Protein backbone atom coordinates (compact mmCIF):
# COMPACT_ATOMS: atom_id res chain seq x y z
CA LYS A 1 0.89 -25.38 36.19
CA SER A 2 -0.64 -22.83 33.82
CA VAL A 3 -3.92 -22.01 32.07
CA ILE A 4 -4.07 -21.39 28.35
CA VAL A 5 -6.99 -19.20 27.29
CA ALA A 6 -8.15 -18.77 23.67
CA PRO A 7 -8.20 -15.15 22.45
CA TYR A 8 -11.80 -15.54 21.18
CA ALA A 9 -14.66 -17.99 21.28
CA GLY A 10 -14.93 -20.53 18.47
CA ARG A 11 -14.93 -24.10 17.35
CA ILE A 12 -11.91 -26.39 17.61
CA LEU A 13 -10.91 -27.64 14.14
CA SER A 14 -8.03 -29.84 15.17
CA LEU A 15 -6.53 -30.83 18.50
CA ALA A 16 -2.82 -31.75 18.65
CA ALA A 17 -2.25 -31.65 22.44
CA ARG A 18 -3.23 -34.53 24.65
CA PRO A 19 -3.31 -34.90 28.47
CA GLY A 20 0.14 -35.67 29.79
CA MET A 21 2.09 -34.19 26.85
CA ILE A 22 5.03 -31.92 27.60
CA VAL A 23 4.78 -28.67 25.59
CA THR A 24 7.23 -25.84 25.24
CA GLY A 25 6.79 -22.23 24.36
CA ALA A 26 8.53 -20.41 21.54
CA ASP A 27 11.85 -18.75 22.19
CA ALA A 28 14.71 -17.31 20.12
CA GLY A 29 15.97 -20.70 18.93
CA ARG A 30 12.89 -22.86 18.95
CA GLU A 31 9.35 -22.84 17.70
CA GLY A 32 6.52 -23.49 20.06
CA ASN A 33 4.11 -26.37 19.86
CA THR A 34 0.69 -26.05 18.28
CA LEU A 35 -1.93 -27.12 20.75
CA LEU A 36 -5.04 -26.76 18.60
CA GLU A 37 -6.65 -24.86 15.74
CA LEU A 38 -9.56 -22.62 16.64
CA ALA A 39 -11.93 -20.86 14.24
CA ASP A 40 -14.58 -18.22 14.80
CA LEU A 41 -17.31 -19.57 12.51
CA THR A 42 -19.27 -16.32 12.81
CA HIS A 43 -16.59 -14.55 10.77
CA LEU A 44 -15.81 -16.57 7.65
CA ARG A 45 -14.14 -15.43 4.47
CA VAL A 46 -13.66 -16.82 0.97
CA GLU A 47 -10.21 -16.86 -0.68
CA ALA A 48 -10.43 -16.85 -4.47
CA SER A 49 -8.31 -16.13 -7.55
CA ILE A 50 -9.42 -13.84 -10.39
CA ASN A 51 -7.67 -13.78 -13.75
CA GLU A 52 -5.85 -10.64 -14.90
CA ILE A 53 -8.51 -9.80 -17.50
CA ASP A 54 -11.38 -9.64 -15.02
CA VAL A 55 -9.56 -8.29 -11.92
CA VAL A 56 -9.32 -4.78 -13.39
CA SER A 57 -13.15 -4.57 -13.12
CA LEU A 58 -13.15 -5.29 -9.37
CA SER A 59 -12.77 -3.02 -6.38
CA THR A 60 -12.94 -3.48 -2.63
CA GLY A 61 -16.41 -3.21 -1.19
CA MET A 62 -18.18 -4.75 -4.19
CA PRO A 63 -21.02 -7.16 -3.22
CA VAL A 64 -20.60 -10.87 -3.89
CA ASP A 65 -23.08 -13.78 -4.06
CA ILE A 66 -21.65 -17.02 -2.70
CA SER A 67 -22.79 -20.65 -3.00
CA PHE A 68 -21.27 -23.90 -1.75
CA GLU A 69 -20.94 -27.12 -3.67
CA SER A 70 -21.29 -29.40 -0.65
CA VAL A 71 -24.26 -27.47 0.76
CA PRO A 72 -26.41 -26.49 -2.25
CA GLU A 73 -29.11 -24.90 -0.15
CA ALA A 74 -26.62 -22.64 1.56
CA LYS A 75 -26.51 -19.17 0.04
CA ALA A 76 -24.40 -16.36 1.41
CA SER A 77 -23.57 -12.77 0.66
CA GLY A 78 -20.32 -10.93 1.14
CA ARG A 79 -18.07 -8.09 0.03
CA ILE A 80 -14.58 -7.93 -1.42
CA THR A 81 -12.17 -6.82 1.27
CA PHE A 82 -8.80 -7.40 -0.36
CA ILE A 83 -7.41 -7.57 -3.92
CA ALA A 84 -3.72 -8.57 -4.28
CA PRO A 85 -1.61 -5.80 -5.82
CA ALA A 86 0.42 -8.36 -7.81
CA ALA A 87 -0.41 -11.64 -9.51
CA GLY A 88 -0.03 -14.91 -7.66
CA LYS A 89 0.79 -18.25 -9.20
CA SER A 90 -0.01 -18.54 -12.86
CA ALA A 91 -3.06 -20.59 -13.80
CA GLY A 92 -1.50 -21.79 -16.99
CA GLY A 93 2.02 -20.52 -17.40
CA ASP A 94 3.24 -17.14 -18.67
CA THR A 95 0.96 -14.86 -20.64
CA SER A 96 0.92 -15.78 -24.29
CA ALA A 97 3.12 -13.56 -26.51
CA ASP A 98 1.58 -14.44 -29.83
CA GLY A 99 -1.68 -12.50 -29.70
CA GLY A 100 -3.72 -15.22 -27.93
CA SER A 101 -7.37 -14.82 -27.23
CA GLY A 102 -8.71 -12.90 -24.28
CA ALA A 103 -10.04 -16.04 -22.68
CA GLY A 104 -8.22 -18.91 -24.29
CA GLY A 105 -4.72 -17.56 -23.77
CA ASN A 106 -2.79 -18.27 -20.55
CA THR A 107 -3.43 -15.66 -17.90
CA ARG A 108 -2.19 -14.93 -14.38
CA ASP A 109 -4.40 -14.92 -11.33
CA PHE A 110 -4.81 -12.34 -8.59
CA PRO A 111 -5.79 -13.56 -5.10
CA ILE A 112 -8.74 -11.80 -3.50
CA GLN A 113 -10.52 -12.14 -0.15
CA ILE A 114 -14.27 -11.90 0.42
CA ASP A 115 -15.76 -11.49 3.88
CA ILE A 116 -18.99 -13.42 4.33
CA GLU A 117 -21.59 -11.11 5.88
CA LYS A 118 -24.29 -13.71 6.46
CA SER A 119 -23.57 -17.44 6.27
CA HIS A 120 -25.51 -20.71 6.54
CA PRO A 121 -24.95 -22.63 9.77
CA ARG A 122 -23.85 -25.73 7.83
CA VAL A 123 -20.95 -23.96 6.13
CA ARG A 124 -17.58 -24.96 7.48
CA PRO A 125 -13.94 -23.86 6.82
CA GLY A 126 -12.36 -25.63 3.91
CA MET A 127 -15.51 -26.00 1.84
CA THR A 128 -15.42 -25.17 -1.85
CA ALA A 129 -17.26 -21.98 -2.66
CA ARG A 130 -18.45 -20.47 -5.93
CA VAL A 131 -18.59 -16.68 -6.13
CA SER A 132 -20.55 -14.43 -8.48
CA ILE A 133 -19.55 -10.79 -8.82
CA GLU A 134 -21.63 -8.47 -11.01
CA THR A 135 -19.36 -5.93 -12.70
CA GLY A 136 -21.75 -4.70 -15.37
CA VAL A 137 -24.98 -5.35 -17.26
CA ALA A 138 -25.77 -5.22 -20.95
CA LEU A 139 -29.29 -5.87 -22.26
CA LYS A 140 -29.92 -7.26 -25.79
CA ALA A 141 -26.18 -7.16 -26.41
CA LEU A 142 -24.37 -8.50 -29.49
CA SER A 143 -21.92 -11.05 -28.14
CA VAL A 144 -19.48 -13.74 -29.23
CA GLU A 145 -17.67 -16.54 -27.43
CA GLN A 146 -14.51 -15.24 -25.72
CA ASN A 147 -12.37 -17.64 -27.74
CA ALA A 148 -13.35 -15.68 -30.88
CA VAL A 149 -11.73 -12.44 -29.62
CA PHE A 150 -7.95 -11.83 -29.99
CA ASN A 151 -5.70 -9.17 -28.66
CA ASP A 152 -2.76 -7.31 -30.24
CA TYR A 153 -0.62 -6.66 -27.20
CA GLU A 154 1.37 -3.90 -28.83
CA THR A 155 -1.56 -1.72 -29.95
CA VAL A 156 -3.91 -2.98 -27.18
CA ASP A 157 -6.61 -3.45 -29.83
CA TRP A 158 -9.10 -6.33 -29.97
CA PHE A 159 -9.97 -8.21 -33.10
CA VAL A 160 -12.22 -10.88 -34.49
CA PHE A 161 -11.75 -12.73 -37.73
CA VAL A 162 -14.85 -12.54 -39.94
CA ARG A 163 -15.63 -15.00 -42.73
CA ALA A 164 -14.99 -13.35 -46.11
CA ALA A 165 -17.61 -13.25 -48.86
CA ASP A 166 -15.38 -15.49 -50.96
CA PRO A 167 -15.34 -18.89 -49.20
CA LYS A 168 -11.76 -19.51 -50.48
CA ALA A 169 -10.43 -16.28 -48.98
CA GLU A 170 -8.88 -15.97 -45.53
CA PRO A 171 -11.09 -14.51 -42.73
CA VAL A 172 -10.94 -10.77 -42.47
CA LYS A 173 -9.20 -9.33 -39.37
CA THR A 174 -11.74 -6.86 -37.92
CA LYS A 175 -11.19 -4.44 -35.03
CA VAL A 176 -13.95 -4.42 -32.41
CA GLN A 177 -14.76 -2.61 -29.18
CA LEU A 178 -15.56 -4.84 -26.20
CA GLY A 179 -18.10 -4.39 -23.44
CA VAL A 180 -19.04 -6.55 -20.48
CA ARG A 181 -18.22 -10.24 -20.37
CA ASP A 182 -19.05 -13.31 -18.40
CA SER A 183 -17.46 -16.75 -18.12
CA ARG A 184 -18.19 -17.59 -21.74
CA TYR A 185 -19.31 -14.57 -23.81
CA VAL A 186 -18.09 -11.05 -24.38
CA GLU A 187 -20.15 -8.10 -25.59
CA ILE A 188 -19.18 -6.48 -28.93
CA LYS A 189 -20.13 -2.81 -28.72
CA SER A 190 -19.00 -1.87 -32.18
CA GLY A 191 -17.14 -3.18 -35.25
CA LEU A 192 -19.17 -6.33 -35.96
CA ALA A 193 -22.46 -7.00 -37.78
CA ALA A 194 -25.02 -9.11 -36.08
CA ASP A 195 -25.09 -11.61 -38.95
CA ALA A 196 -21.34 -11.97 -39.30
CA GLU A 197 -19.64 -15.37 -38.91
CA VAL A 198 -16.48 -15.27 -36.81
CA SER A 199 -13.61 -17.77 -36.37
CA LEU A 200 -12.85 -19.34 -33.01
CA GLN A 201 -9.18 -19.72 -34.06
CA ARG A 202 -6.64 -17.27 -35.40
CA PRO A 203 -6.06 -18.09 -39.10
CA PRO A 204 -2.51 -19.34 -39.77
CA GLY A 205 -1.67 -16.39 -42.02
CA ALA A 206 -3.00 -13.68 -39.71
CA LYS A 207 -0.38 -11.22 -38.38
CA PHE A 208 -0.32 -8.94 -35.38
CA SER A 209 1.97 -5.94 -35.01
CA GLN A 210 4.42 -7.80 -32.80
CA ASP A 211 4.59 -10.90 -35.05
CA LYS A 212 7.77 -11.38 -37.06
C-alpha cells in the first residue's frame, strides 16, 4: 500500500523486514520499526579515541594515514573532521594524582572522527582501522621512553630521574623540556645529557610539590 524509498544509494548491511510483516510508523507514543540498515560505502569515516596528552596537538583538517588489520593491502587517506570538546570514557580510570608518568599514568580519551577521502573497495563498515597522524618531526633527537618522564601537576613541569654518580645515592630529580613524541618515545629538548642513565620508575623517596 506504500513505497519506501531510501534517501541515498548504498549497500544494505542488515535487513529486519520480511515479506508479509506488519510494520508501523513512529508516533507520539510508539517507536517505529527498523526495516533495514543502509550504508553509503563511498563515504566512510573512522571513529577513534585519542588520549588527553596527544589530543592537544591535533586540529580539524589534519591529514591522516589509515590502514586496516583485516585488509593489509588496503591503505587510505583522510582528514580529521571532529574532535570532541570533552573527554569520553576513561581508558584506565581517573587521571593519576601522584605525579604519574606522561604515558604510564591513567589518562582520559577524546573521541575524534576522520573522514576517509579515498578508500579501498574491500573496506567495510565495522572493520578495525589503525590511524597515523603526524603532529611534528624531530631529526637526530635525544629521546627517552615515555615511562621515564614524570609530571608535577601543580607546577606543570616535567622531570626525569637521573642515576647519581654515587651508586648508593637516590636518582637525581632533573627538570627537562619535552618535544615531539610517538607511541613509545618522547624527545628531550633540554635538561638531559645524552649519556645520562634515567629511571623508568619514580624512586620511592622522590617528592613532587603536591605530595604530602
